[in-house]
Amino acid sequence: MTRKRRSSEPGHRRKFLVVIDDTPECERAVYFASLRALHTRGALVMLFVIVPGDFQHWLGVETIMRAEAQDEARRVVGEFAEKARKWANIEPQMVIREGTRSEEILTLIEEDEDIAILVLAAGTGKEGPGPLVSSFVGRGSSSFPIPITVIPGSMSDEEIQAVA
C-alpha cells in the first residue's frame, strides 16, 4: 500500500518526478516538468538510477566502477539541473540511486509523499516509446501510485510551453 500523497496539504508542495537518463527524449520530459513546476508553484525532483554491474569477484574493479558511475551520474544530473534553472528559475532536487529503474522510481515515490506526478517522454524511434513508458503505461498503470504524464519526444519547446 502506498503512502498518502500530501502535496496539497499545508507545508507541502507538489513535486514532479523526472527520470534522468541518456535518451534524447529525456530533455523533453525535464523541460515540461520544469515549466509545470514553475507554473504550479511546485518542485522538480530529478532521479538518476545507476544500474549495478556484476563484479562480485573483483571488488577493486567494482569499487572503481561504482565511483566512476557516481561521478558520471552527478555530471549528467548537474547538466539537467542547470537547464531547469535556466528554463524555469527553479532549483531541482537531485537524487542518485543504484538499482533497477522501475524499483527505484517506486521506492522514491513511496519515500517522498510530495511526489505527485511522474513525467516521462516517449521515444520517437522505431523501437517504440522506450522502456520506462512501456513498463509503466498500459499494463501496470492501473496500480501505479501516482499519475503519469507522457510527453511526446518530438514536441518542440513552443508546443511544450503551450501545454505546460
C-alpha atoms as a PDB file:
ATOM      1  CA  MET A   1       0.000   0.000   0.000  1.00  0.00           C
ATOM      2  CA  THR A   2       1.369   3.380  -0.996  1.00  0.00           C
ATOM      3  CA  ARG A   3       1.510   6.222   1.477  1.00  0.00           C
ATOM      4  CA  LYS A   4      -0.973   9.038   1.105  1.00  0.00           C
ATOM      5  CA  ARG A   5       0.137  11.873  -1.144  1.00  0.00           C
ATOM      6  CA  ARG A   6       0.423  15.112   0.828  1.00  0.00           C
ATOM      7  CA  SER A   7       1.369  17.610  -1.882  1.00  0.00           C
ATOM      8  CA  SER A   8      -1.828  19.640  -1.435  1.00  0.00           C
ATOM      9  CA  GLU A   9      -1.617  19.910   2.340  1.00  0.00           C
ATOM     10  CA  PRO A  10      -0.187  22.950   4.177  1.00  0.00           C
ATOM     11  CA  GLY A  11       3.592  22.811   4.410  1.00  0.00           C
ATOM     12  CA  HIS A  12       3.876  20.553   1.365  1.00  0.00           C
ATOM     13  CA  ARG A  13       4.140  21.200  -2.359  1.00  0.00           C
ATOM     14  CA  ARG A  14       3.543  19.144  -5.455  1.00  0.00           C
ATOM     15  CA  LYS A  15       6.692  17.556  -6.837  1.00  0.00           C
ATOM     16  CA  PHE A  16       7.152  16.467 -10.417  1.00  0.00           C
ATOM     17  CA  LEU A  17       9.467  13.462 -10.761  1.00  0.00           C
ATOM     18  CA  VAL A  18      11.642  13.084 -13.870  1.00  0.00           C
ATOM     19  CA  VAL A  19      13.951  10.161 -14.526  1.00  0.00           C
ATOM     20  CA  ILE A  20      17.271  11.309 -15.933  1.00  0.00           C
ATOM     21  CA  ASP A  21      18.924   9.045 -18.478  1.00  0.00           C
ATOM     22  CA  ASP A  22      20.874   9.205 -21.717  1.00  0.00           C
ATOM     23  CA  THR A  23      17.888   9.109 -24.077  1.00  0.00           C
ATOM     24  CA  PRO A  24      17.324  12.049 -26.423  1.00  0.00           C
ATOM     25  CA  GLU A  25      13.763  12.493 -25.195  1.00  0.00           C
ATOM     26  CA  CYS A  26      14.810  12.956 -21.564  1.00  0.00           C
ATOM     27  CA  GLU A  27      15.353  16.664 -22.203  1.00  0.00           C
ATOM     28  CA  ARG A  28      11.714  16.975 -23.327  1.00  0.00           C
ATOM     29  CA  ALA A  29      10.497  15.492 -20.025  1.00  0.00           C
ATOM     30  CA  VAL A  30      12.760  17.785 -17.995  1.00  0.00           C
ATOM     31  CA  TYR A  31      11.630  20.837 -19.967  1.00  0.00           C
ATOM     32  CA  PHE A  32       7.935  20.041 -19.463  1.00  0.00           C
ATOM     33  CA  ALA A  33       8.329  19.159 -15.771  1.00  0.00           C
ATOM     34  CA  SER A  34      10.378  22.313 -15.113  1.00  0.00           C
ATOM     35  CA  LEU A  35       7.705  24.520 -16.652  1.00  0.00           C
ATOM     36  CA  ARG A  36       4.873  22.669 -14.860  1.00  0.00           C
ATOM     37  CA  ALA A  37       6.684  23.077 -11.549  1.00  0.00           C
ATOM     38  CA  LEU A  38       7.141  26.784 -12.244  1.00  0.00           C
ATOM     39  CA  HIS A  39       3.534  27.369 -13.332  1.00  0.00           C
ATOM     40  CA  THR A  40       2.015  25.444 -10.418  1.00  0.00           C
ATOM     41  CA  ARG A  41       4.479  26.621  -7.750  1.00  0.00           C
ATOM     42  CA  GLY A  42       5.642  23.065  -7.417  1.00  0.00           C
ATOM     43  CA  ALA A  43       9.053  21.457  -7.272  1.00  0.00           C
ATOM     44  CA  LEU A  44      11.135  19.264  -9.529  1.00  0.00           C
ATOM     45  CA  VAL A  45      12.820  16.013  -8.496  1.00  0.00           C
ATOM     46  CA  MET A  46      15.415  14.506 -10.823  1.00  0.00           C
ATOM     47  CA  LEU A  47      16.196  10.822 -10.325  1.00  0.00           C
ATOM     48  CA  PHE A  48      19.212   9.146 -11.892  1.00  0.00           C
ATOM     49  CA  VAL A  49      19.424   5.384 -11.397  1.00  0.00           C
ATOM     50  CA  ILE A  50      22.763   3.641 -11.757  1.00  0.00           C
ATOM     51  CA  VAL A  51      22.209   0.076 -12.876  1.00  0.00           C
ATOM     52  CA  PRO A  52      24.651  -2.014 -10.812  1.00  0.00           C
ATOM     53  CA  GLY A  53      27.305  -4.078 -12.548  1.00  0.00           C
ATOM     54  CA  ASP A  54      28.125  -7.659 -11.727  1.00  0.00           C
ATOM     55  CA  PHE A  55      31.700  -7.629 -10.444  1.00  0.00           C
ATOM     56  CA  GLN A  56      31.303  -9.727  -7.305  1.00  0.00           C
ATOM     57  CA  HIS A  57      34.690 -11.404  -7.716  1.00  0.00           C
ATOM     58  CA  TRP A  58      36.598  -8.221  -8.496  1.00  0.00           C
ATOM     59  CA  LEU A  59      35.944  -5.944  -5.544  1.00  0.00           C
ATOM     60  CA  GLY A  60      38.607  -3.416  -6.534  1.00  0.00           C
ATOM     61  CA  VAL A  61      37.183  -3.110 -10.051  1.00  0.00           C
ATOM     62  CA  GLU A  62      33.655  -2.816  -8.677  1.00  0.00           C
ATOM     63  CA  THR A  63      34.684  -0.002  -6.327  1.00  0.00           C
ATOM     64  CA  ILE A  64      36.341   1.945  -9.134  1.00  0.00           C
ATOM     65  CA  MET A  65      33.412   1.393 -11.500  1.00  0.00           C
ATOM     66  CA  ARG A  66      30.909   2.466  -8.836  1.00  0.00           C
ATOM     67  CA  ALA A  67      32.845   5.667  -8.183  1.00  0.00           C
ATOM     68  CA  GLU A  68      33.033   6.404 -11.904  1.00  0.00           C
ATOM     69  CA  ALA A  69      29.297   5.742 -12.282  1.00  0.00           C
ATOM     70  CA  GLN A  70      28.546   8.104  -9.376  1.00  0.00           C
ATOM     71  CA  ASP A  71      30.721  10.813 -10.932  1.00  0.00           C
ATOM     72  CA  GLU A  72      29.011  10.390 -14.297  1.00  0.00           C
ATOM     73  CA  ALA A  73      25.560  10.456 -12.660  1.00  0.00           C
ATOM     74  CA  ARG A  74      26.386  13.684 -10.816  1.00  0.00           C
ATOM     75  CA  ARG A  75      27.667  15.226 -14.037  1.00  0.00           C
ATOM     76  CA  VAL A  76      24.583  14.287 -16.074  1.00  0.00           C
ATOM     77  CA  VAL A  77      22.089  15.310 -13.384  1.00  0.00           C
ATOM     78  CA  GLY A  78      24.032  18.533 -12.879  1.00  0.00           C
ATOM     79  CA  GLU A  79      23.697  19.366 -16.572  1.00  0.00           C
ATOM     80  CA  PHE A  80      19.941  18.818 -16.484  1.00  0.00           C
ATOM     81  CA  ALA A  81      19.646  20.774 -13.228  1.00  0.00           C
ATOM     82  CA  GLU A  82      21.409  23.702 -14.891  1.00  0.00           C
ATOM     83  CA  LYS A  83      18.907  23.528 -17.760  1.00  0.00           C
ATOM     84  CA  ALA A  84      15.974  23.530 -15.315  1.00  0.00           C
ATOM     85  CA  ARG A  85      17.420  26.595 -13.583  1.00  0.00           C
ATOM     86  CA  LYS A  86      17.750  28.344 -16.953  1.00  0.00           C
ATOM     87  CA  TRP A  87      14.305  27.341 -18.243  1.00  0.00           C
ATOM     88  CA  ALA A  88      12.229  27.862 -15.108  1.00  0.00           C
ATOM     89  CA  ASN A  89      14.436  29.507 -12.490  1.00  0.00           C
ATOM     90  CA  ILE A  90      13.859  26.590 -10.114  1.00  0.00           C
ATOM     91  CA  GLU A  91      16.291  24.571  -8.021  1.00  0.00           C
ATOM     92  CA  PRO A  92      15.648  20.863  -8.606  1.00  0.00           C
ATOM     93  CA  GLN A  93      16.147  18.182  -6.001  1.00  0.00           C
ATOM     94  CA  MET A  94      18.702  15.701  -7.345  1.00  0.00           C
ATOM     95  CA  VAL A  95      18.573  12.035  -6.333  1.00  0.00           C
ATOM     96  CA  ILE A  96      21.055   9.359  -7.404  1.00  0.00           C
ATOM     97  CA  ARG A  97      20.274   5.736  -6.617  1.00  0.00           C
ATOM     98  CA  GLU A  98      21.645   2.344  -7.543  1.00  0.00           C
ATOM     99  CA  GLY A  99      19.326  -0.464  -8.605  1.00  0.00           C
ATOM    100  CA  THR A 100      16.735  -1.119 -11.266  1.00  0.00           C
ATOM    101  CA  ARG A 101      14.962   1.953 -12.586  1.00  0.00           C
ATOM    102  CA  SER A 102      11.419   0.761 -12.030  1.00  0.00           C
ATOM    103  CA  GLU A 103      12.115  -0.326  -8.438  1.00  0.00           C
ATOM    104  CA  GLU A 104      13.969   2.868  -7.550  1.00  0.00           C
ATOM    105  CA  ILE A 105      11.205   5.037  -9.031  1.00  0.00           C
ATOM    106  CA  LEU A 106       8.593   3.250  -6.937  1.00  0.00           C
ATOM    107  CA  THR A 107      10.780   3.392  -3.814  1.00  0.00           C
ATOM    108  CA  LEU A 108      11.346   7.136  -4.180  1.00  0.00           C
ATOM    109  CA  ILE A 109       7.623   7.740  -4.687  1.00  0.00           C
ATOM    110  CA  GLU A 110       6.913   5.732  -1.554  1.00  0.00           C
ATOM    111  CA  GLU A 111       9.512   7.655   0.458  1.00  0.00           C
ATOM    112  CA  ASP A 112       8.515  11.158  -0.670  1.00  0.00           C
ATOM    113  CA  GLU A 113       4.812  11.739  -0.172  1.00  0.00           C
ATOM    114  CA  ASP A 114       5.012  15.084  -2.019  1.00  0.00           C
ATOM    115  CA  ILE A 115       5.847  13.449  -5.349  1.00  0.00           C
ATOM    116  CA  ALA A 116       2.541  13.725  -7.163  1.00  0.00           C
ATOM    117  CA  ILE A 117       3.300  13.210 -10.869  1.00  0.00           C
ATOM    118  CA  LEU A 118       5.833  11.146 -12.811  1.00  0.00           C
ATOM    119  CA  VAL A 119       6.823  12.839 -16.081  1.00  0.00           C
ATOM    120  CA  LEU A 120       8.204  10.654 -18.870  1.00  0.00           C
ATOM    121  CA  ALA A 121       8.920  11.374 -22.512  1.00  0.00           C
ATOM    122  CA  ALA A 122       8.157   8.869 -25.240  1.00  0.00           C
ATOM    123  CA  GLY A 123      10.885   7.986 -27.674  1.00  0.00           C
ATOM    124  CA  THR A 124      10.485   8.837 -31.319  1.00  0.00           C
ATOM    125  CA  GLY A 125      12.354   5.880 -32.819  1.00  0.00           C
ATOM    126  CA  LYS A 126      11.085   2.674 -34.390  1.00  0.00           C
ATOM    127  CA  GLU A 127      11.893   0.775 -31.153  1.00  0.00           C
ATOM    128  CA  GLY A 128       8.777   2.191 -29.508  1.00  0.00           C
ATOM    129  CA  PRO A 129       8.190   4.699 -26.739  1.00  0.00           C
ATOM    130  CA  GLY A 130      11.041   3.485 -24.531  1.00  0.00           C
ATOM    131  CA  PRO A 131      11.385   1.005 -21.679  1.00  0.00           C
ATOM    132  CA  LEU A 132      10.009   3.215 -18.894  1.00  0.00           C
ATOM    133  CA  VAL A 133       6.963   4.315 -20.838  1.00  0.00           C
ATOM    134  CA  SER A 134       6.359   0.724 -21.928  1.00  0.00           C
ATOM    135  CA  SER A 135       6.693  -0.664 -18.415  1.00  0.00           C
ATOM    136  CA  PHE A 136       4.641   1.955 -16.557  1.00  0.00           C
ATOM    137  CA  VAL A 137       1.988   2.952 -19.062  1.00  0.00           C
ATOM    138  CA  GLY A 138      -0.518   0.350 -20.082  1.00  0.00           C
ATOM    139  CA  ARG A 139      -0.208  -2.988 -18.374  1.00  0.00           C
ATOM    140  CA  GLY A 140       0.875  -1.727 -14.954  1.00  0.00           C
ATOM    141  CA  SER A 141      -0.536   1.789 -14.878  1.00  0.00           C
ATOM    142  CA  SER A 142      -3.812   0.891 -13.170  1.00  0.00           C
ATOM    143  CA  SER A 143      -1.947   0.102  -9.960  1.00  0.00           C
ATOM    144  CA  PHE A 144       0.708   2.822 -10.251  1.00  0.00           C
ATOM    145  CA  PRO A 145       0.614   5.053  -7.143  1.00  0.00           C
ATOM    146  CA  ILE A 146       0.576   8.443  -8.925  1.00  0.00           C
ATOM    147  CA  PRO A 147      -0.476   9.875 -12.301  1.00  0.00           C
ATOM    148  CA  ILE A 148       1.968   9.576 -15.180  1.00  0.00           C
ATOM    149  CA  THR A 149       2.346  12.316 -17.775  1.00  0.00           C
ATOM    150  CA  VAL A 150       3.909  11.168 -21.039  1.00  0.00           C
ATOM    151  CA  ILE A 151       5.337  13.874 -23.280  1.00  0.00           C
ATOM    152  CA  PRO A 152       5.824  13.015 -26.959  1.00  0.00           C
ATOM    153  CA  GLY A 153       9.557  13.149 -27.559  1.00  0.00           C
ATOM    154  CA  SER A 154       9.016  15.062 -30.791  1.00  0.00           C
ATOM    155  CA  MET A 155       7.331  18.088 -29.160  1.00  0.00           C
ATOM    156  CA  SER A 156       9.078  21.409 -29.732  1.00  0.00           C
ATOM    157  CA  ASP A 157       9.792  23.934 -26.995  1.00  0.00           C
ATOM    158  CA  GLU A 158       6.878  26.049 -28.230  1.00  0.00           C
ATOM    159  CA  GLU A 159       4.472  23.090 -28.146  1.00  0.00           C
ATOM    160  CA  ILE A 160       5.573  22.172 -24.636  1.00  0.00           C
ATOM    161  CA  GLN A 161       5.255  25.789 -23.463  1.00  0.00           C
ATOM    162  CA  ALA A 162       1.683  25.859 -24.786  1.00  0.00           C
ATOM    163  CA  VAL A 163       0.593  22.886 -22.666  1.00  0.00           C
ATOM    164  CA  ALA A 164       2.815  23.209 -19.613  1.00  0.00           C
END
